[in-house]
Amino acid sequence: MSMPRERRRFDTRTPEEKEFEQRVVDLRRVTRVTAGGKRMRFRAAVLVGDGKGRIGFGLGKGADVAAATAKASRKARKTLLTIPMIKETIPHKIRAKYGAAVIMMKPAPRGTGIKAGGPMRAVFELAGLSNVVGKILGTTKNKVNIIRATLGAIEQLKPVTTSQ
């Protein structure tokens, strides 16, 4: 089935060409207990990034995995952040906290690569940061809170101004 006529005229992208890469970082089965019993649903946490300094995060719930992932992806595209990058790294060291998740990020020289674990690595890869060091300092294993702390730190990054 082809696209409607009006849509085809304005859509210049090819179907294979995608603006954002997405990654499901957490997928859980959640339960709502009602008088009639337990209702199972799925919760998906999705990161989207363009590899050029833009990153977004979304949580979605749905009756099946595909619906939850689609909702989370749509929310992630609506909450895009732009990272002030300098030569594929961040401008300065920063520390952030979200709930029990405490993270630290610092710039690294060219050739270092991404030195970070878990969900922080996914954020850096999708954002296009290739030389950065990240450390999870809190005692939590909650991936969603670690991602939110990382994105909070990214929001606090100050862009470098060049003085002449």
N, C-alpha and C. Protein backbone atom coordinates (compact mmCIF):
# COMPACT_ATOMS: atom_id res chain seq x y z
N MET A 1 0.84 -1.18 0.00
CA MET A 1 0.00 0.00 0.00
C MET A 1 0.88 1.24 0.00
N SER A 2 0.59 2.18 -0.87
CA SER A 2 1.41 3.39 -0.97
C SER A 2 0.87 4.48 -0.05
N MET A 3 1.70 5.52 0.13
CA MET A 3 1.33 6.64 0.98
C MET A 3 0.23 7.46 0.31
N PRO A 4 -0.60 8.17 1.09
CA PRO A 4 -1.59 9.05 0.48
C PRO A 4 -0.91 10.10 -0.40
N ARG A 5 -1.65 10.58 -1.37
CA ARG A 5 -1.08 11.48 -2.37
C ARG A 5 -0.48 12.74 -1.77
N GLU A 6 -1.18 13.37 -0.80
CA GLU A 6 -0.68 14.62 -0.21
C GLU A 6 0.61 14.38 0.56
N ARG A 7 0.70 13.28 1.24
CA ARG A 7 1.87 12.99 2.05
C ARG A 7 3.09 12.71 1.18
N ARG A 8 2.88 12.01 0.09
CA ARG A 8 3.97 11.63 -0.80
C ARG A 8 4.66 12.85 -1.39
N ARG A 9 3.88 13.88 -1.66
CA ARG A 9 4.40 15.07 -2.31
C ARG A 9 5.43 15.78 -1.44
N PHE A 10 5.22 15.83 -0.11
CA PHE A 10 6.08 16.61 0.77
C PHE A 10 7.16 15.78 1.45
N ASP A 11 7.01 14.48 1.49
CA ASP A 11 7.99 13.63 2.16
C ASP A 11 9.13 13.34 1.20
N THR A 12 10.28 13.98 1.44
CA THR A 12 11.42 13.83 0.53
C THR A 12 12.38 12.74 0.98
N ARG A 13 12.22 12.24 2.21
CA ARG A 13 13.12 11.22 2.71
C ARG A 13 12.79 9.86 2.12
N THR A 14 13.81 9.06 1.95
CA THR A 14 13.59 7.68 1.52
C THR A 14 13.22 6.86 2.75
N PRO A 15 12.50 5.77 2.60
CA PRO A 15 12.08 4.99 3.77
C PRO A 15 13.25 4.48 4.61
N GLU A 16 14.41 4.18 3.99
CA GLU A 16 15.55 3.66 4.74
C GLU A 16 16.25 4.74 5.55
N GLU A 17 16.15 5.98 5.09
CA GLU A 17 16.86 7.09 5.73
C GLU A 17 16.11 7.53 6.98
N LYS A 18 16.72 7.32 8.13
CA LYS A 18 16.09 7.72 9.38
C LYS A 18 16.90 8.83 10.02
N GLU A 19 16.18 9.80 10.57
CA GLU A 19 16.85 10.93 11.20
C GLU A 19 17.47 10.52 12.54
N PHE A 20 16.77 9.66 13.28
CA PHE A 20 17.21 9.27 14.61
C PHE A 20 17.41 7.77 14.71
N GLU A 21 18.41 7.42 15.51
CA GLU A 21 18.60 6.01 15.86
C GLU A 21 17.96 5.83 17.23
N GLN A 22 17.28 4.72 17.44
CA GLN A 22 16.64 4.52 18.74
C GLN A 22 17.15 3.24 19.38
N ARG A 23 17.14 3.25 20.72
CA ARG A 23 17.61 2.09 21.47
C ARG A 23 16.71 1.89 22.69
N VAL A 24 16.19 0.68 22.84
CA VAL A 24 15.39 0.34 24.02
C VAL A 24 16.38 -0.01 25.13
N VAL A 25 16.39 0.78 26.19
CA VAL A 25 17.36 0.57 27.27
C VAL A 25 16.77 -0.19 28.45
N ASP A 26 15.45 -0.21 28.56
CA ASP A 26 14.81 -0.94 29.65
C ASP A 26 13.44 -1.39 29.20
N LEU A 27 13.11 -2.63 29.50
CA LEU A 27 11.80 -3.17 29.15
C LEU A 27 11.32 -3.99 30.34
N ARG A 28 10.17 -3.62 30.89
CA ARG A 28 9.67 -4.29 32.08
C ARG A 28 8.20 -4.67 31.90
N ARG A 29 7.84 -5.75 32.55
CA ARG A 29 6.43 -6.11 32.63
C ARG A 29 5.90 -5.55 33.94
N VAL A 30 4.90 -4.71 33.86
CA VAL A 30 4.34 -4.09 35.07
C VAL A 30 2.93 -4.62 35.28
N THR A 31 2.50 -4.62 36.52
CA THR A 31 1.21 -5.21 36.88
C THR A 31 0.36 -4.21 37.63
N ARG A 32 -0.91 -4.14 37.25
CA ARG A 32 -1.88 -3.35 37.99
C ARG A 32 -2.86 -4.34 38.62
N VAL A 33 -2.99 -4.30 39.92
CA VAL A 33 -3.89 -5.23 40.60
C VAL A 33 -5.26 -4.58 40.74
N THR A 34 -6.27 -5.24 40.19
CA THR A 34 -7.64 -4.75 40.28
C THR A 34 -8.48 -5.80 41.02
N ALA A 35 -9.75 -5.48 41.25
CA ALA A 35 -10.63 -6.42 41.94
C ALA A 35 -10.78 -7.71 41.13
N GLY A 36 -10.70 -7.60 39.82
CA GLY A 36 -10.85 -8.77 38.95
C GLY A 36 -9.58 -9.57 38.79
N GLY A 37 -8.47 -9.08 39.30
CA GLY A 37 -7.21 -9.81 39.15
C GLY A 37 -6.08 -8.88 38.76
N LYS A 38 -5.04 -9.46 38.18
CA LYS A 38 -3.86 -8.68 37.79
C LYS A 38 -3.91 -8.35 36.31
N ARG A 39 -3.60 -7.10 35.98
CA ARG A 39 -3.53 -6.66 34.58
C ARG A 39 -2.08 -6.44 34.20
N MET A 40 -1.59 -7.20 33.25
CA MET A 40 -0.20 -7.08 32.82
C MET A 40 -0.08 -6.07 31.68
N ARG A 41 0.93 -5.23 31.76
CA ARG A 41 1.27 -4.30 30.70
C ARG A 41 2.78 -4.27 30.58
N PHE A 42 3.28 -3.52 29.61
CA PHE A 42 4.72 -3.41 29.42
C PHE A 42 5.13 -1.95 29.50
N ARG A 43 6.30 -1.72 30.10
CA ARG A 43 6.87 -0.38 30.15
C ARG A 43 8.21 -0.40 29.43
N ALA A 44 8.36 0.51 28.48
CA ALA A 44 9.60 0.58 27.72
C ALA A 44 10.26 1.94 27.95
N ALA A 45 11.57 1.92 28.10
CA ALA A 45 12.37 3.14 28.19
C ALA A 45 13.23 3.20 26.93
N VAL A 46 13.05 4.27 26.14
CA VAL A 46 13.71 4.38 24.84
C VAL A 46 14.53 5.66 24.77
N LEU A 47 15.74 5.53 24.24
CA LEU A 47 16.60 6.67 23.94
C LEU A 47 16.64 6.85 22.43
N VAL A 48 16.54 8.09 21.97
CA VAL A 48 16.73 8.38 20.54
C VAL A 48 17.84 9.43 20.42
N GLY A 49 18.63 9.30 19.37
CA GLY A 49 19.71 10.26 19.14
C GLY A 49 20.05 10.32 17.67
N ASP A 50 20.61 11.45 17.26
CA ASP A 50 20.98 11.61 15.85
C ASP A 50 22.48 11.45 15.62
N GLY A 51 23.24 11.25 16.69
CA GLY A 51 24.68 11.09 16.55
C GLY A 51 25.41 12.40 16.28
N LYS A 52 24.68 13.52 16.35
CA LYS A 52 25.26 14.84 16.08
C LYS A 52 25.03 15.81 17.23
N GLY A 53 24.74 15.26 18.41
CA GLY A 53 24.57 16.13 19.57
C GLY A 53 23.16 16.29 20.06
N ARG A 54 22.21 15.55 19.50
CA ARG A 54 20.83 15.63 19.99
C ARG A 54 20.43 14.27 20.56
N ILE A 55 19.78 14.31 21.73
CA ILE A 55 19.38 13.09 22.43
C ILE A 55 18.03 13.30 23.10
N GLY A 56 17.20 12.27 23.12
CA GLY A 56 15.89 12.34 23.76
C GLY A 56 15.59 11.04 24.49
N PHE A 57 14.73 11.13 25.51
CA PHE A 57 14.38 9.97 26.32
C PHE A 57 12.88 9.93 26.53
N GLY A 58 12.30 8.74 26.44
CA GLY A 58 10.87 8.60 26.66
C GLY A 58 10.52 7.29 27.33
N LEU A 59 9.47 7.34 28.15
CA LEU A 59 8.92 6.15 28.79
C LEU A 59 7.53 5.93 28.21
N GLY A 60 7.22 4.69 27.87
CA GLY A 60 5.90 4.39 27.33
C GLY A 60 5.37 3.09 27.88
N LYS A 61 4.05 3.05 28.08
CA LYS A 61 3.41 1.82 28.55
C LYS A 61 2.39 1.39 27.52
N GLY A 62 2.24 0.08 27.37
CA GLY A 62 1.28 -0.43 26.42
C GLY A 62 0.93 -1.87 26.72
N ALA A 63 -0.11 -2.35 26.03
CA ALA A 63 -0.58 -3.72 26.23
C ALA A 63 0.45 -4.74 25.74
N ASP A 64 1.23 -4.35 24.73
CA ASP A 64 2.29 -5.25 24.25
C ASP A 64 3.59 -4.46 24.09
N VAL A 65 4.66 -5.17 23.83
CA VAL A 65 5.99 -4.56 23.76
C VAL A 65 6.06 -3.53 22.64
N ALA A 66 5.49 -3.84 21.49
CA ALA A 66 5.55 -2.94 20.33
C ALA A 66 4.85 -1.61 20.62
N ALA A 67 3.68 -1.68 21.27
CA ALA A 67 2.94 -0.45 21.59
C ALA A 67 3.71 0.40 22.60
N ALA A 68 4.28 -0.24 23.61
CA ALA A 68 5.04 0.48 24.63
C ALA A 68 6.27 1.14 24.01
N THR A 69 6.97 0.42 23.13
CA THR A 69 8.16 0.96 22.48
C THR A 69 7.80 2.12 21.56
N ALA A 70 6.70 2.00 20.83
CA ALA A 70 6.28 3.08 19.93
C ALA A 70 5.93 4.35 20.71
N LYS A 71 5.21 4.20 21.82
CA LYS A 71 4.85 5.37 22.64
C LYS A 71 6.09 6.03 23.23
N ALA A 72 7.01 5.20 23.73
CA ALA A 72 8.23 5.74 24.32
C ALA A 72 9.07 6.46 23.27
N SER A 73 9.14 5.91 22.08
CA SER A 73 9.91 6.52 21.00
C SER A 73 9.31 7.87 20.60
N ARG A 74 7.99 7.93 20.54
CA ARG A 74 7.30 9.19 20.20
C ARG A 74 7.58 10.26 21.27
N LYS A 75 7.52 9.86 22.54
CA LYS A 75 7.81 10.81 23.63
C LYS A 75 9.26 11.26 23.60
N ALA A 76 10.17 10.34 23.28
CA ALA A 76 11.59 10.68 23.23
C ALA A 76 11.88 11.71 22.15
N ARG A 77 11.21 11.61 21.01
CA ARG A 77 11.41 12.57 19.92
C ARG A 77 10.90 13.97 20.29
N LYS A 78 9.94 14.02 21.22
CA LYS A 78 9.39 15.31 21.65
C LYS A 78 10.26 16.00 22.70
N THR A 79 11.15 15.24 23.34
CA THR A 79 11.96 15.80 24.44
C THR A 79 13.43 15.82 24.08
N LEU A 80 13.77 16.34 22.94
CA LEU A 80 15.16 16.34 22.49
C LEU A 80 15.98 17.42 23.19
N LEU A 81 17.19 17.06 23.59
CA LEU A 81 18.15 18.00 24.16
C LEU A 81 19.32 18.14 23.20
N THR A 82 19.90 19.32 23.16
CA THR A 82 21.10 19.52 22.35
C THR A 82 22.29 19.64 23.28
N ILE A 83 23.33 18.88 22.97
CA ILE A 83 24.53 18.85 23.81
C ILE A 83 25.55 19.84 23.26
N PRO A 84 26.06 20.76 24.09
CA PRO A 84 27.13 21.64 23.62
C PRO A 84 28.44 20.84 23.54
N MET A 85 28.82 20.44 22.34
CA MET A 85 29.99 19.59 22.17
C MET A 85 31.19 20.39 21.68
N ILE A 86 32.38 19.93 22.12
CA ILE A 86 33.64 20.48 21.62
C ILE A 86 34.48 19.29 21.20
N LYS A 87 34.75 19.17 19.92
CA LYS A 87 35.59 18.09 19.39
C LYS A 87 35.16 16.73 19.94
N GLU A 88 33.91 16.41 19.81
CA GLU A 88 33.33 15.11 20.18
C GLU A 88 33.40 14.80 21.67
N THR A 89 33.49 15.84 22.52
CA THR A 89 33.45 15.64 23.97
C THR A 89 32.63 16.76 24.60
N ILE A 90 32.47 16.71 25.92
CA ILE A 90 31.70 17.74 26.62
C ILE A 90 32.64 18.87 27.06
N PRO A 91 32.10 20.07 27.31
CA PRO A 91 32.96 21.22 27.61
C PRO A 91 33.63 21.18 28.99
N HIS A 92 32.99 20.58 29.99
CA HIS A 92 33.58 20.60 31.34
C HIS A 92 33.05 19.44 32.17
N LYS A 93 33.68 19.22 33.31
CA LYS A 93 33.28 18.16 34.24
C LYS A 93 31.98 18.55 34.92
N ILE A 94 31.13 17.57 35.16
CA ILE A 94 29.85 17.86 35.81
C ILE A 94 29.38 16.65 36.61
N ARG A 95 28.63 16.94 37.66
CA ARG A 95 28.08 15.90 38.52
C ARG A 95 26.59 16.18 38.67
N ALA A 96 25.76 15.14 38.63
CA ALA A 96 24.31 15.34 38.74
C ALA A 96 23.68 14.20 39.53
N LYS A 97 22.47 14.48 40.03
CA LYS A 97 21.76 13.51 40.86
C LYS A 97 20.30 13.49 40.45
N TYR A 98 19.73 12.30 40.41
CA TYR A 98 18.29 12.14 40.20
C TYR A 98 17.87 10.96 41.06
N GLY A 99 17.09 11.22 42.10
CA GLY A 99 16.74 10.17 43.04
C GLY A 99 18.01 9.68 43.73
N ALA A 100 18.23 8.37 43.75
CA ALA A 100 19.44 7.82 44.34
C ALA A 100 20.57 7.71 43.33
N ALA A 101 20.29 8.03 42.08
CA ALA A 101 21.30 7.92 41.03
C ALA A 101 22.17 9.16 41.03
N VAL A 102 23.46 8.98 41.25
CA VAL A 102 24.43 10.07 41.20
C VAL A 102 25.42 9.71 40.10
N ILE A 103 25.64 10.65 39.18
CA ILE A 103 26.57 10.37 38.08
C ILE A 103 27.58 11.50 37.96
N MET A 104 28.71 11.18 37.34
CA MET A 104 29.76 12.16 37.07
C MET A 104 30.19 11.98 35.62
N MET A 105 30.35 13.09 34.92
CA MET A 105 30.82 13.07 33.54
C MET A 105 31.98 14.04 33.41
N LYS A 106 33.00 13.66 32.64
CA LYS A 106 34.08 14.61 32.39
C LYS A 106 34.62 14.43 30.98
N PRO A 107 35.14 15.52 30.42
CA PRO A 107 35.68 15.44 29.06
C PRO A 107 36.93 14.58 29.02
N ALA A 108 37.21 14.04 27.85
CA ALA A 108 38.39 13.19 27.68
C ALA A 108 39.11 13.60 26.40
N PRO A 109 40.43 13.40 26.35
CA PRO A 109 41.17 13.75 25.13
C PRO A 109 40.81 12.84 23.96
N ARG A 110 41.09 13.31 22.77
CA ARG A 110 40.80 12.55 21.56
C ARG A 110 41.49 11.19 21.60
N GLY A 111 40.77 10.15 21.20
CA GLY A 111 41.32 8.81 21.20
C GLY A 111 40.98 8.00 22.44
N THR A 112 40.38 8.64 23.43
CA THR A 112 40.03 7.94 24.67
C THR A 112 38.86 6.99 24.46
N GLY A 113 37.87 7.44 23.72
CA GLY A 113 36.66 6.65 23.52
C GLY A 113 35.66 6.92 24.62
N ILE A 114 34.62 6.10 24.66
CA ILE A 114 33.58 6.24 25.68
C ILE A 114 33.93 5.32 26.84
N LYS A 115 34.22 5.92 27.98
CA LYS A 115 34.52 5.16 29.19
C LYS A 115 33.34 5.33 30.13
N ALA A 116 32.32 4.54 29.92
CA ALA A 116 31.12 4.60 30.76
C ALA A 116 30.40 3.27 30.65
N GLY A 117 29.64 2.96 31.65
CA GLY A 117 28.95 1.68 31.64
C GLY A 117 27.45 1.84 31.61
N GLY A 118 26.79 0.76 31.27
CA GLY A 118 25.34 0.68 31.33
C GLY A 118 24.62 1.70 30.49
N PRO A 119 23.58 2.30 31.06
CA PRO A 119 22.75 3.23 30.30
C PRO A 119 23.48 4.53 29.93
N MET A 120 24.50 4.91 30.69
CA MET A 120 25.25 6.13 30.34
C MET A 120 25.94 5.96 29.00
N ARG A 121 26.47 4.79 28.75
CA ARG A 121 27.15 4.50 27.48
C ARG A 121 26.18 4.67 26.31
N ALA A 122 24.95 4.18 26.48
CA ALA A 122 23.94 4.30 25.42
C ALA A 122 23.63 5.77 25.12
N VAL A 123 23.54 6.59 26.18
CA VAL A 123 23.29 8.03 25.99
C VAL A 123 24.42 8.65 25.18
N PHE A 124 25.66 8.36 25.55
CA PHE A 124 26.81 8.96 24.86
C PHE A 124 26.91 8.50 23.41
N GLU A 125 26.67 7.21 23.16
CA GLU A 125 26.76 6.68 21.80
C GLU A 125 25.71 7.31 20.89
N LEU A 126 24.47 7.38 21.37
CA LEU A 126 23.40 7.93 20.54
C LEU A 126 23.54 9.43 20.33
N ALA A 127 24.15 10.12 21.29
CA ALA A 127 24.33 11.57 21.18
C ALA A 127 25.49 11.93 20.26
N GLY A 128 26.39 10.99 20.02
CA GLY A 128 27.53 11.28 19.15
C GLY A 128 28.77 11.72 19.90
N LEU A 129 28.77 11.58 21.22
CA LEU A 129 29.96 11.88 22.01
C LEU A 129 30.90 10.68 21.90
N SER A 130 32.11 10.89 21.43
CA SER A 130 33.01 9.74 21.26
C SER A 130 34.20 9.76 22.21
N ASN A 131 34.45 10.86 22.91
CA ASN A 131 35.54 10.92 23.88
C ASN A 131 35.00 11.53 25.17
N VAL A 132 34.56 10.68 26.08
CA VAL A 132 33.98 11.16 27.32
C VAL A 132 34.11 10.06 28.38
N VAL A 133 34.25 10.49 29.64
CA VAL A 133 34.32 9.55 30.75
C VAL A 133 33.08 9.77 31.61
N GLY A 134 32.40 8.69 31.95
CA GLY A 134 31.22 8.75 32.79
C GLY A 134 31.29 7.72 33.89
N LYS A 135 30.82 8.09 35.08
CA LYS A 135 30.87 7.17 36.21
C LYS A 135 29.56 7.25 36.98
N ILE A 136 29.00 6.08 37.30
CA ILE A 136 27.80 6.03 38.13
C ILE A 136 28.28 5.91 39.57
N LEU A 137 27.99 6.93 40.38
CA LEU A 137 28.49 6.98 41.75
C LEU A 137 27.46 6.52 42.77
N GLY A 138 26.18 6.64 42.46
CA GLY A 138 25.14 6.24 43.40
C GLY A 138 25.05 4.73 43.51
N THR A 139 24.26 4.26 44.46
CA THR A 139 24.15 2.82 44.69
C THR A 139 22.97 2.20 43.95
N THR A 140 22.28 2.96 43.15
CA THR A 140 21.10 2.44 42.47
C THR A 140 21.45 1.69 41.19
N LYS A 141 20.62 0.73 40.87
CA LYS A 141 20.75 0.02 39.60
C LYS A 141 19.62 0.41 38.66
N ASN A 142 18.83 1.39 39.07
CA ASN A 142 17.67 1.83 38.30
C ASN A 142 18.13 2.55 37.03
N LYS A 143 17.94 1.90 35.88
CA LYS A 143 18.42 2.45 34.61
C LYS A 143 17.73 3.76 34.25
N VAL A 144 16.44 3.85 34.54
CA VAL A 144 15.68 5.06 34.20
C VAL A 144 16.23 6.26 34.96
N ASN A 145 16.50 6.11 36.26
CA ASN A 145 17.03 7.22 37.05
C ASN A 145 18.45 7.58 36.64
N ILE A 146 19.25 6.60 36.24
CA ILE A 146 20.61 6.89 35.77
C ILE A 146 20.55 7.70 34.48
N ILE A 147 19.64 7.34 33.58
CA ILE A 147 19.49 8.10 32.33
C ILE A 147 19.01 9.51 32.63
N ARG A 148 18.04 9.64 33.54
CA ARG A 148 17.53 10.98 33.88
C ARG A 148 18.61 11.84 34.53
N ALA A 149 19.45 11.25 35.36
CA ALA A 149 20.56 11.99 35.96
C ALA A 149 21.54 12.43 34.88
N THR A 150 21.83 11.54 33.92
CA THR A 150 22.74 11.88 32.82
C THR A 150 22.18 13.01 31.97
N LEU A 151 20.90 12.93 31.65
CA LEU A 151 20.28 13.99 30.85
C LEU A 151 20.19 15.30 31.64
N GLY A 152 20.01 15.21 32.96
CA GLY A 152 20.03 16.41 33.80
C GLY A 152 21.40 17.07 33.78
N ALA A 153 22.44 16.25 33.79
CA ALA A 153 23.81 16.79 33.71
C ALA A 153 24.04 17.45 32.35
N ILE A 154 23.53 16.83 31.30
CA ILE A 154 23.68 17.39 29.95
C ILE A 154 22.98 18.75 29.85
N GLU A 155 21.81 18.86 30.50
CA GLU A 155 21.09 20.14 30.50
C GLU A 155 21.89 21.23 31.20
N GLN A 156 22.66 20.87 32.22
CA GLN A 156 23.43 21.85 32.99
C GLN A 156 24.74 22.25 32.33
N LEU A 157 25.15 21.53 31.28
CA LEU A 157 26.40 21.87 30.60
C LEU A 157 26.32 23.27 30.01
N LYS A 158 27.37 24.03 30.23
CA LYS A 158 27.41 25.40 29.71
C LYS A 158 28.18 25.40 28.40
N PRO A 159 27.62 26.00 27.36
CA PRO A 159 28.34 26.05 26.09
C PRO A 159 29.58 26.93 26.20
N VAL A 160 30.61 26.55 25.49
CA VAL A 160 31.86 27.31 25.52
C VAL A 160 31.74 28.51 24.61
N THR A 161 32.09 29.66 25.15
CA THR A 161 32.09 30.88 24.33
C THR A 161 33.53 31.22 24.00
N THR A 162 33.76 31.47 22.75
CA THR A 162 35.12 31.83 22.32
C THR A 162 35.27 33.34 22.39
N SER A 163 36.25 33.80 23.14
CA SER A 163 36.49 35.25 23.25
C SER A 163 37.63 35.65 22.32
N GLN A 164 37.43 36.80 21.67
CA GLN A 164 38.45 37.27 20.72
C GLN A 164 39.15 38.49 21.22
